[in-house]
Amino acid sequence: QSKLTFIDGLHGIKGYSGFTEKRCLDLNMQIAWQNKGSLEDFLSTE
């Protein structure tokens, strides 16, 4: 439930470029950002 809310909220965030996820019971996700600055901005968000 938390993961779906998280993924849904990624769309529209500046610098977000998409994500890939391996299908398994555990979390294994890679989220692409246009540059390190946009990622660092995202890491400080609620």
All heavy atoms as atom14 arrays in JSON, in Angstrom:
{
  "sequence": "QSKLTFIDGLHGIKGYSGFTEKRCLDLNMQIAWQNKGSLEDFLSTE",
  "atom14_mask": [
    [1, 1, 1, 1, 1, 1, 1, 1, 1, 0, 0, 0, 0, 0],
    [1, 1, 1, 1, 1, 1, 0, 0, 0, 0, 0, 0, 0, 0],
    [1, 1, 1, 1, 1, 1, 1, 1, 1, 0, 0, 0, 0, 0],
    [1, 1, 1, 1, 1, 1, 1, 1, 0, 0, 0, 0, 0, 0],
    [1, 1, 1, 1, 1, 1, 1, 0, 0, 0, 0, 0, 0, 0],
    [1, 1, 1, 1, 1, 1, 1, 1, 1, 1, 1, 0, 0, 0],
    [1, 1, 1, 1, 1, 1, 1, 1, 0, 0, 0, 0, 0, 0],
    [1, 1, 1, 1, 1, 1, 1, 1, 0, 0, 0, 0, 0, 0],
    [1, 1, 1, 1, 0, 0, 0, 0, 0, 0, 0, 0, 0, 0],
    [1, 1, 1, 1, 1, 1, 1, 1, 0, 0, 0, 0, 0, 0],
    [1, 1, 1, 1, 1, 1, 1, 1, 1, 1, 0, 0, 0, 0],
    [1, 1, 1, 1, 0, 0, 0, 0, 0, 0, 0, 0, 0, 0],
    [1, 1, 1, 1, 1, 1, 1, 1, 0, 0, 0, 0, 0, 0],
    [1, 1, 1, 1, 1, 1, 1, 1, 1, 0, 0, 0, 0, 0],
    [1, 1, 1, 1, 0, 0, 0, 0, 0, 0, 0, 0, 0, 0],
    [1, 1, 1, 1, 1, 1, 1, 1, 1, 1, 1, 1, 0, 0],
    [1, 1, 1, 1, 1, 1, 0, 0, 0, 0, 0, 0, 0, 0],
    [1, 1, 1, 1, 0, 0, 0, 0, 0, 0, 0, 0, 0, 0],
    [1, 1, 1, 1, 1, 1, 1, 1, 1, 1, 1, 0, 0, 0],
    [1, 1, 1, 1, 1, 1, 1, 0, 0, 0, 0, 0, 0, 0],
    [1, 1, 1, 1, 1, 1, 1, 1, 1, 0, 0, 0, 0, 0],
    [1, 1, 1, 1, 1, 1, 1, 1, 1, 0, 0, 0, 0, 0],
    [1, 1, 1, 1, 1, 1, 1, 1, 1, 1, 1, 0, 0, 0],
    [1, 1, 1, 1, 1, 1, 0, 0, 0, 0, 0, 0, 0, 0],
    [1, 1, 1, 1, 1, 1, 1, 1, 0, 0, 0, 0, 0, 0],
    [1, 1, 1, 1, 1, 1, 1, 1, 0, 0, 0, 0, 0, 0],
    [1, 1, 1, 1, 1, 1, 1, 1, 0, 0, 0, 0, 0, 0],
    [1, 1, 1, 1, 1, 1, 1, 1, 0, 0, 0, 0, 0, 0],
    [1, 1, 1, 1, 1, 1, 1, 1, 0, 0, 0, 0, 0, 0],
    [1, 1, 1, 1, 1, 1, 1, 1, 1, 0, 0, 0, 0, 0],
    [1, 1, 1, 1, 1, 1, 1, 1, 0, 0, 0, 0, 0, 0],
    [1, 1, 1, 1, 1, 0, 0, 0, 0, 0, 0, 0, 0, 0],
    [1, 1, 1, 1, 1, 1, 1, 1, 1, 1, 1, 1, 1, 1],
    [1, 1, 1, 1, 1, 1, 1, 1, 1, 0, 0, 0, 0, 0],
    [1, 1, 1, 1, 1, 1, 1, 1, 0, 0, 0, 0, 0, 0],
    [1, 1, 1, 1, 1, 1, 1, 1, 1, 0, 0, 0, 0, 0],
    [1, 1, 1, 1, 0, 0, 0, 0, 0, 0, 0, 0, 0, 0],
    [1, 1, 1, 1, 1, 1, 0, 0, 0, 0, 0, 0, 0, 0],
    [1, 1, 1, 1, 1, 1, 1, 1, 0, 0, 0, 0, 0, 0],
    [1, 1, 1, 1, 1, 1, 1, 1, 1, 0, 0, 0, 0, 0],
    [1, 1, 1, 1, 1, 1, 1, 1, 0, 0, 0, 0, 0, 0],
    [1, 1, 1, 1, 1, 1, 1, 1, 1, 1, 1, 0, 0, 0],
    [1, 1, 1, 1, 1, 1, 1, 1, 0, 0, 0, 0, 0, 0],
    [1, 1, 1, 1, 1, 1, 0, 0, 0, 0, 0, 0, 0, 0],
    [1, 1, 1, 1, 1, 1, 1, 0, 0, 0, 0, 0, 0, 0],
    [1, 1, 1, 1, 1, 1, 1, 1, 1, 0, 0, 0, 0, 0]
  ],
  "atom14_positions": [
    [[0.83, -1.2, 0.0], [0.0, 0.0, 0.0], [0.87, 1.26, 0.0], [0.62, 2.2, -0.74], [-0.94, 0.0, 1.21], [-2.02, -1.05, 1.1], [-2.82, -1.2, 2.38], [-2.37, -0.87, 3.48], [-4.03, -1.72, 2.25], [0.0, 0.0, 0.0], [0.0, 0.0, 0.0], [0.0, 0.0, 0.0], [0.0, 0.0, 0.0], [0.0, 0.0, 0.0]],
    [[1.92, 1.25, 0.82], [2.85, 2.39, 0.86], [3.58, 2.53, -0.47], [3.78, 3.63, -0.97], [3.87, 2.21, 1.99], [3.24, 2.24, 3.24], [0.0, 0.0, 0.0], [0.0, 0.0, 0.0], [0.0, 0.0, 0.0], [0.0, 0.0, 0.0], [0.0, 0.0, 0.0], [0.0, 0.0, 0.0], [0.0, 0.0, 0.0], [0.0, 0.0, 0.0]],
    [[3.97, 1.4, -1.04], [4.71, 1.43, -2.31], [3.85, 2.0, -3.44], [4.32, 2.82, -4.23], [5.21, 0.03, -2.67], [6.02, -0.01, -3.96], [6.62, -1.36, -4.21], [5.58, -2.31, -4.74], [6.16, -3.58, -5.22], [0.0, 0.0, 0.0], [0.0, 0.0, 0.0], [0.0, 0.0, 0.0], [0.0, 0.0, 0.0], [0.0, 0.0, 0.0]],
    [[2.59, 1.58, -3.52], [1.71, 2.09, -4.57], [1.48, 3.6, -4.43], [1.46, 4.33, -5.43], [0.38, 1.35, -4.55], [0.45, -0.11, -5.03], [-0.89, -0.8, -4.84], [0.91, -0.19, -6.47], [0.0, 0.0, 0.0], [0.0, 0.0, 0.0], [0.0, 0.0, 0.0], [0.0, 0.0, 0.0], [0.0, 0.0, 0.0], [0.0, 0.0, 0.0]],
    [[1.32, 4.06, -3.2], [1.17, 5.5, -2.96], [2.44, 6.24, -3.39], [2.38, 7.3, -4.02], [0.87, 5.77, -1.47], [-0.33, 5.1, -1.12], [0.75, 7.24, -1.18], [0.0, 0.0, 0.0], [0.0, 0.0, 0.0], [0.0, 0.0, 0.0], [0.0, 0.0, 0.0], [0.0, 0.0, 0.0], [0.0, 0.0, 0.0], [0.0, 0.0, 0.0]],
    [[3.59, 5.67, -3.08], [4.88, 6.25, -3.44], [5.01, 6.35, -4.96], [5.33, 7.4, -5.51], [6.01, 5.41, -2.86], [7.38, 5.85, -3.27], [7.93, 7.01, -2.74], [8.13, 5.11, -4.17], [9.21, 7.42, -3.11], [9.4, 5.52, -4.54], [9.94, 6.67, -4.01], [0.0, 0.0, 0.0], [0.0, 0.0, 0.0], [0.0, 0.0, 0.0]],
    [[4.75, 5.25, -5.66], [4.89, 5.22, -7.12], [3.94, 6.22, -7.77], [4.32, 6.96, -8.68], [4.65, 3.8, -7.65], [5.8, 2.89, -7.22], [4.51, 3.8, -9.18], [5.55, 1.41, -7.47], [0.0, 0.0, 0.0], [0.0, 0.0, 0.0], [0.0, 0.0, 0.0], [0.0, 0.0, 0.0], [0.0, 0.0, 0.0], [0.0, 0.0, 0.0]],
    [[2.7, 6.25, -7.3], [1.72, 7.17, -7.86], [2.16, 8.62, -7.71], [1.93, 9.44, -8.6], [0.37, 6.95, -7.17], [-0.74, 7.72, -7.84], [-0.85, 7.66, -9.08], [-1.5, 8.39, -7.12], [0.0, 0.0, 0.0], [0.0, 0.0, 0.0], [0.0, 0.0, 0.0], [0.0, 0.0, 0.0], [0.0, 0.0, 0.0], [0.0, 0.0, 0.0]],
    [[2.83, 8.93, -6.61], [3.26, 10.3, -6.35], [4.51, 10.72, -7.1], [4.87, 11.9, -7.12], [0.0, 0.0, 0.0], [0.0, 0.0, 0.0], [0.0, 0.0, 0.0], [0.0, 0.0, 0.0], [0.0, 0.0, 0.0], [0.0, 0.0, 0.0], [0.0, 0.0, 0.0], [0.0, 0.0, 0.0], [0.0, 0.0, 0.0], [0.0, 0.0, 0.0]],
    [[5.2, 9.77, -7.74], [6.42, 10.12, -8.48], [6.13, 10.9, -9.75], [6.9, 11.77, -10.14], [7.19, 8.84, -8.86], [7.9, 8.11, -7.74], [8.46, 6.79, -8.26], [8.99, 8.96, -7.13], [0.0, 0.0, 0.0], [0.0, 0.0, 0.0], [0.0, 0.0, 0.0], [0.0, 0.0, 0.0], [0.0, 0.0, 0.0], [0.0, 0.0, 0.0]],
    [[5.03, 10.6, -10.38], [4.69, 11.25, -11.65], [4.51, 12.75, -11.43], [3.82, 13.18, -10.52], [3.44, 10.62, -12.25], [3.59, 9.15, -12.45], [4.37, 8.61, -13.45], [3.13, 8.09, -11.74], [4.35, 7.3, -13.36], [3.6, 6.95, -12.33], [0.0, 0.0, 0.0], [0.0, 0.0, 0.0], [0.0, 0.0, 0.0], [0.0, 0.0, 0.0]],
    [[5.15, 13.52, -12.25], [5.05, 14.97, -12.15], [6.14, 15.61, -11.3], [6.24, 16.82, -11.25], [0.0, 0.0, 0.0], [0.0, 0.0, 0.0], [0.0, 0.0, 0.0], [0.0, 0.0, 0.0], [0.0, 0.0, 0.0], [0.0, 0.0, 0.0], [0.0, 0.0, 0.0], [0.0, 0.0, 0.0], [0.0, 0.0, 0.0], [0.0, 0.0, 0.0]],
    [[6.96, 14.81, -10.63], [8.06, 15.38, -9.85], [9.19, 15.77, -10.81], [9.58, 14.98, -11.68], [8.56, 14.39, -8.77], [7.46, 14.16, -7.73], [9.84, 14.91, -8.12], [7.82, 13.17, -6.64], [0.0, 0.0, 0.0], [0.0, 0.0, 0.0], [0.0, 0.0, 0.0], [0.0, 0.0, 0.0], [0.0, 0.0, 0.0], [0.0, 0.0, 0.0]],
    [[9.69, 16.97, -10.65], [10.73, 17.5, -11.54], [11.95, 16.57, -11.55], [12.49, 16.24, -10.5], [11.13, 18.89, -11.09], [12.11, 19.56, -12.02], [12.46, 20.95, -11.56], [13.47, 21.55, -12.49], [13.88, 22.87, -12.07], [0.0, 0.0, 0.0], [0.0, 0.0, 0.0], [0.0, 0.0, 0.0], [0.0, 0.0, 0.0], [0.0, 0.0, 0.0]],
    [[12.36, 16.17, -12.73], [13.55, 15.36, -12.89], [13.3, 13.86, -12.91], [14.17, 13.08, -13.28], [0.0, 0.0, 0.0], [0.0, 0.0, 0.0], [0.0, 0.0, 0.0], [0.0, 0.0, 0.0], [0.0, 0.0, 0.0], [0.0, 0.0, 0.0], [0.0, 0.0, 0.0], [0.0, 0.0, 0.0], [0.0, 0.0, 0.0], [0.0, 0.0, 0.0]],
    [[12.1, 13.42, -12.53], [11.77, 11.99, -12.52], [11.69, 11.48, -13.96], [11.06, 12.09, -14.8], [10.43, 11.77, -11.8], [9.87, 10.38, -11.98], [10.44, 9.29, -11.34], [8.75, 10.17, -12.78], [9.91, 8.02, -11.5], [8.22, 8.9, -12.94], [8.8, 7.84, -12.3], [8.28, 6.58, -12.46], [0.0, 0.0, 0.0], [0.0, 0.0, 0.0]],
    [[12.34, 10.33, -14.22], [12.38, 9.8, -15.58], [11.77, 8.41, -15.73], [11.71, 7.89, -16.82], [13.83, 9.75, -16.09], [14.35, 11.05, -16.22], [0.0, 0.0, 0.0], [0.0, 0.0, 0.0], [0.0, 0.0, 0.0], [0.0, 0.0, 0.0], [0.0, 0.0, 0.0], [0.0, 0.0, 0.0], [0.0, 0.0, 0.0], [0.0, 0.0, 0.0]],
    [[11.36, 7.78, -14.64], [10.77, 6.45, -14.72], [11.41, 5.5, -13.72], [12.38, 5.84, -13.05], [0.0, 0.0, 0.0], [0.0, 0.0, 0.0], [0.0, 0.0, 0.0], [0.0, 0.0, 0.0], [0.0, 0.0, 0.0], [0.0, 0.0, 0.0], [0.0, 0.0, 0.0], [0.0, 0.0, 0.0], [0.0, 0.0, 0.0], [0.0, 0.0, 0.0]],
    [[10.84, 4.3, -13.64], [11.41, 3.31, -12.73], [11.26, 1.91, -13.3], [10.44, 1.65, -14.18], [10.77, 3.38, -11.34], [9.4, 2.76, -11.24], [9.24, 1.45, -10.82], [8.27, 3.48, -11.57], [7.99, 0.88, -10.74], [7.01, 2.93, -11.49], [6.87, 1.6, -11.07], [0.0, 0.0, 0.0], [0.0, 0.0, 0.0], [0.0, 0.0, 0.0]],
    [[12.1, 1.03, -12.82], [11.99, -0.4, -13.13], [11.96, -1.13, -11.8], [12.51, -0.67, -10.8], [13.18, -0.9, -13.97], [14.4, -0.65, -13.27], [13.22, -0.24, -15.33], [0.0, 0.0, 0.0], [0.0, 0.0, 0.0], [0.0, 0.0, 0.0], [0.0, 0.0, 0.0], [0.0, 0.0, 0.0], [0.0, 0.0, 0.0], [0.0, 0.0, 0.0]],
    [[11.3, -2.29, -11.83], [11.19, -3.08, -10.61], [11.2, -4.55, -10.98], [10.52, -4.97, -11.91], [9.89, -2.73, -9.88], [9.7, -3.46, -8.58], [8.43, -3.05, -7.86], [7.52, -2.47, -8.49], [8.36, -3.31, -6.67], [0.0, 0.0, 0.0], [0.0, 0.0, 0.0], [0.0, 0.0, 0.0], [0.0, 0.0, 0.0], [0.0, 0.0, 0.0]],
    [[11.99, -5.33, -10.25], [11.97, -6.77, -10.43], [10.78, -7.32, -9.67], [10.54, -6.93, -8.53], [13.26, -7.4, -9.91], [14.47, -7.09, -10.75], [15.67, -7.83, -10.24], [16.9, -7.48, -11.05], [18.11, -8.11, -10.51], [0.0, 0.0, 0.0], [0.0, 0.0, 0.0], [0.0, 0.0, 0.0], [0.0, 0.0, 0.0], [0.0, 0.0, 0.0]],
    [[10.04, -8.19, -10.29], [8.87, -8.8, -9.65], [9.32, -9.88, -8.67], [9.88, -10.89, -9.06], [7.95, -9.43, -10.7], [7.39, -8.45, -11.67], [6.28, -7.69, -11.01], [5.73, -6.73, -11.97], [4.89, -5.81, -11.62], [4.5, -5.71, -10.39], [4.45, -4.98, -12.51], [0.0, 0.0, 0.0], [0.0, 0.0, 0.0], [0.0, 0.0, 0.0]],
    [[9.09, -9.64, -7.41], [9.4, -10.59, -6.36], [8.7, -10.12, -5.09], [8.08, -9.07, -5.07], [10.9, -10.71, -6.14], [11.71, -9.18, -5.69], [0.0, 0.0, 0.0], [0.0, 0.0, 0.0], [0.0, 0.0, 0.0], [0.0, 0.0, 0.0], [0.0, 0.0, 0.0], [0.0, 0.0, 0.0], [0.0, 0.0, 0.0], [0.0, 0.0, 0.0]],
    [[8.77, -10.92, -4.04], [8.13, -10.51, -2.79], [8.85, -9.33, -2.15], [8.24, -8.52, -1.48], [8.09, -11.68, -1.8], [7.12, -12.81, -2.14], [7.2, -13.9, -1.08], [5.69, -12.3, -2.26], [0.0, 0.0, 0.0], [0.0, 0.0, 0.0], [0.0, 0.0, 0.0], [0.0, 0.0, 0.0], [0.0, 0.0, 0.0], [0.0, 0.0, 0.0]],
    [[10.14, -9.25, -2.36], [10.92, -8.17, -1.78], [10.91, -6.95, -2.7], [10.52, -7.02, -3.85], [12.36, -8.62, -1.54], [12.44, -9.76, -0.54], [11.63, -9.77, 0.41], [13.3, -10.64, -0.72], [0.0, 0.0, 0.0], [0.0, 0.0, 0.0], [0.0, 0.0, 0.0], [0.0, 0.0, 0.0], [0.0, 0.0, 0.0], [0.0, 0.0, 0.0]],
    [[11.36, -5.83, -2.17], [11.47, -4.61, -2.97], [12.8, -4.61, -3.7], [13.85, -4.82, -3.09], [11.38, -3.39, -2.05], [11.62, -2.03, -2.72], [10.48, -1.72, -3.7], [11.74, -0.94, -1.69], [0.0, 0.0, 0.0], [0.0, 0.0, 0.0], [0.0, 0.0, 0.0], [0.0, 0.0, 0.0], [0.0, 0.0, 0.0], [0.0, 0.0, 0.0]],
    [[12.75, -4.37, -4.99], [13.94, -4.25, -5.82], [13.61, -3.27, -6.94], [13.1, -3.65, -7.98], [14.34, -5.62, -6.38], [15.68, -5.58, -7.05], [15.89, -4.79, -7.97], [16.58, -6.41, -6.6], [0.0, 0.0, 0.0], [0.0, 0.0, 0.0], [0.0, 0.0, 0.0], [0.0, 0.0, 0.0], [0.0, 0.0, 0.0], [0.0, 0.0, 0.0]],
    [[13.85, -1.99, -6.67], [13.4, -0.92, -7.57], [14.55, 0.02, -7.91], [15.39, 0.32, -7.06], [12.28, -0.13, -6.86], [11.69, 0.99, -7.66], [10.47, 1.95, -6.72], [9.18, 0.74, -6.52], [0.0, 0.0, 0.0], [0.0, 0.0, 0.0], [0.0, 0.0, 0.0], [0.0, 0.0, 0.0], [0.0, 0.0, 0.0], [0.0, 0.0, 0.0]],
    [[14.57, 0.47, -9.17], [15.51, 1.48, -9.61], [14.7, 2.64, -10.18], [13.91, 2.45, -11.1], [16.45, 0.94, -10.7], [17.36, -0.15, -10.2], [18.33, -0.61, -11.29], [18.58, 0.09, -12.25], [18.86, -1.8, -11.11], [0.0, 0.0, 0.0], [0.0, 0.0, 0.0], [0.0, 0.0, 0.0], [0.0, 0.0, 0.0], [0.0, 0.0, 0.0]],
    [[14.92, 3.83, -9.62], [14.2, 5.01, -10.06], [15.19, 5.93, -10.77], [16.21, 6.3, -10.2], [13.54, 5.74, -8.88], [12.67, 4.76, -8.08], [12.72, 6.92, -9.37], [12.2, 5.31, -6.75], [0.0, 0.0, 0.0], [0.0, 0.0, 0.0], [0.0, 0.0, 0.0], [0.0, 0.0, 0.0], [0.0, 0.0, 0.0], [0.0, 0.0, 0.0]],
    [[14.87, 6.29, -12.02], [15.77, 7.11, -12.84], [15.45, 8.59, -12.67], [14.28, 8.99, -12.66], [15.64, 6.71, -14.3], [0.0, 0.0, 0.0], [0.0, 0.0, 0.0], [0.0, 0.0, 0.0], [0.0, 0.0, 0.0], [0.0, 0.0, 0.0], [0.0, 0.0, 0.0], [0.0, 0.0, 0.0], [0.0, 0.0, 0.0], [0.0, 0.0, 0.0]],
    [[16.51, 9.39, -12.55], [16.4, 10.85, -12.44], [17.26, 11.48, -13.51], [18.3, 10.95, -13.87], [16.86, 11.3, -11.04], [15.93, 10.75, -10.01], [16.05, 9.56, -9.35], [14.71, 11.32, -9.58], [14.96, 9.37, -8.54], [14.12, 10.44, -8.66], [14.04, 12.5, -9.89], [12.91, 10.69, -8.04], [12.83, 12.77, -9.27], [12.28, 11.87, -8.36]],
    [[16.84, 12.63, -14.0], [17.56, 13.31, -15.08], [18.98, 13.69, -14.67], [19.89, 13.65, -15.48], [16.8, 14.54, -15.53], [15.52, 14.2, -16.25], [14.7, 15.43, -16.58], [15.04, 16.55, -16.19], [13.63, 15.23, -17.31], [0.0, 0.0, 0.0], [0.0, 0.0, 0.0], [0.0, 0.0, 0.0], [0.0, 0.0, 0.0], [0.0, 0.0, 0.0]],
    [[19.15, 14.07, -13.4], [20.47, 14.46, -12.93], [20.53, 14.33, -11.4], [19.5, 14.15, -10.75], [20.83, 15.88, -13.37], [19.77, 16.88, -12.95], [19.44, 16.99, -11.77], [19.23, 17.62, -13.91], [0.0, 0.0, 0.0], [0.0, 0.0, 0.0], [0.0, 0.0, 0.0], [0.0, 0.0, 0.0], [0.0, 0.0, 0.0], [0.0, 0.0, 0.0]],
    [[21.71, 14.44, -10.86], [21.89, 14.27, -9.42], [21.18, 15.36, -8.62], [20.67, 15.12, -7.54], [23.38, 14.24, -9.08], [23.64, 13.81, -7.66], [25.1, 13.57, -7.38], [25.26, 13.12, -5.94], [26.63, 12.8, -5.62], [0.0, 0.0, 0.0], [0.0, 0.0, 0.0], [0.0, 0.0, 0.0], [0.0, 0.0, 0.0], [0.0, 0.0, 0.0]],
    [[21.12, 16.57, -9.17], [20.45, 17.67, -8.48], [18.97, 17.4, -8.27], [18.44, 17.64, -7.19], [0.0, 0.0, 0.0], [0.0, 0.0, 0.0], [0.0, 0.0, 0.0], [0.0, 0.0, 0.0], [0.0, 0.0, 0.0], [0.0, 0.0, 0.0], [0.0, 0.0, 0.0], [0.0, 0.0, 0.0], [0.0, 0.0, 0.0], [0.0, 0.0, 0.0]],
    [[18.29, 16.89, -9.31], [16.87, 16.59, -9.16], [16.65, 15.45, -8.18], [15.68, 15.46, -7.41], [16.22, 16.29, -10.52], [16.79, 15.17, -11.14], [0.0, 0.0, 0.0], [0.0, 0.0, 0.0], [0.0, 0.0, 0.0], [0.0, 0.0, 0.0], [0.0, 0.0, 0.0], [0.0, 0.0, 0.0], [0.0, 0.0, 0.0], [0.0, 0.0, 0.0]],
    [[17.54, 14.47, -8.16], [17.44, 13.38, -7.19], [17.64, 13.91, -5.77], [16.88, 13.57, -4.86], [18.45, 12.28, -7.49], [18.58, 11.19, -6.43], [17.25, 10.51, -6.13], [19.63, 10.16, -6.84], [0.0, 0.0, 0.0], [0.0, 0.0, 0.0], [0.0, 0.0, 0.0], [0.0, 0.0, 0.0], [0.0, 0.0, 0.0], [0.0, 0.0, 0.0]],
    [[18.64, 14.75, -5.58], [18.89, 15.3, -4.24], [17.71, 16.13, -3.75], [17.35, 16.07, -2.58], [20.19, 16.11, -4.24], [21.42, 15.23, -4.35], [22.7, 16.0, -4.52], [22.67, 17.24, -4.75], [23.77, 15.36, -4.44], [0.0, 0.0, 0.0], [0.0, 0.0, 0.0], [0.0, 0.0, 0.0], [0.0, 0.0, 0.0], [0.0, 0.0, 0.0]],
    [[17.08, 16.89, -4.65], [15.88, 17.64, -4.28], [14.78, 16.68, -3.84], [14.09, 16.92, -2.84], [15.37, 18.48, -5.46], [16.28, 19.67, -5.76], [17.13, 20.01, -4.91], [16.12, 20.24, -6.86], [0.0, 0.0, 0.0], [0.0, 0.0, 0.0], [0.0, 0.0, 0.0], [0.0, 0.0, 0.0], [0.0, 0.0, 0.0], [0.0, 0.0, 0.0]],
    [[14.6, 15.6, -4.57], [13.57, 14.61, -4.24], [13.83, 13.96, -2.87], [12.9, 13.74, -2.1], [13.5, 13.53, -5.33], [12.59, 12.41, -4.97], [11.22, 12.59, -4.93], [13.1, 11.16, -4.66], [10.36, 11.55, -4.59], [12.26, 10.12, -4.32], [10.88, 10.31, -4.29], [0.0, 0.0, 0.0], [0.0, 0.0, 0.0], [0.0, 0.0, 0.0]],
    [[15.1, 13.68, -2.57], [15.43, 13.01, -1.31], [15.08, 13.85, -0.09], [14.96, 13.32, 1.02], [16.92, 12.65, -1.28], [17.36, 11.59, -2.3], [18.87, 11.39, -2.22], [16.61, 10.29, -2.11], [0.0, 0.0, 0.0], [0.0, 0.0, 0.0], [0.0, 0.0, 0.0], [0.0, 0.0, 0.0], [0.0, 0.0, 0.0], [0.0, 0.0, 0.0]],
    [[14.88, 15.15, -0.27], [14.52, 16.01, 0.85], [13.01, 16.21, 0.98], [12.57, 16.93, 1.87], [15.23, 17.36, 0.73], [14.73, 18.07, -0.38], [0.0, 0.0, 0.0], [0.0, 0.0, 0.0], [0.0, 0.0, 0.0], [0.0, 0.0, 0.0], [0.0, 0.0, 0.0], [0.0, 0.0, 0.0], [0.0, 0.0, 0.0], [0.0, 0.0, 0.0]],
    [[12.23, 15.57, 0.11], [10.78, 15.76, 0.15], [10.12, 14.85, 1.19], [10.64, 13.79, 1.54], [10.13, 15.47, -1.22], [10.29, 14.07, -1.53], [10.71, 16.34, -2.32], [0.0, 0.0, 0.0], [0.0, 0.0, 0.0], [0.0, 0.0, 0.0], [0.0, 0.0, 0.0], [0.0, 0.0, 0.0], [0.0, 0.0, 0.0], [0.0, 0.0, 0.0]],
    [[8.96, 15.28, 1.64], [8.17, 14.47, 2.57], [7.72, 13.17, 1.9], [7.63, 12.13, 2.55], [6.95, 15.27, 3.03], [6.19, 14.63, 4.16], [6.99, 14.58, 5.47], [7.87, 15.42, 5.69], [6.71, 13.66, 6.27], [0.0, 0.0, 0.0], [0.0, 0.0, 0.0], [0.0, 0.0, 0.0], [0.0, 0.0, 0.0], [0.0, 0.0, 0.0]]
  ]
}
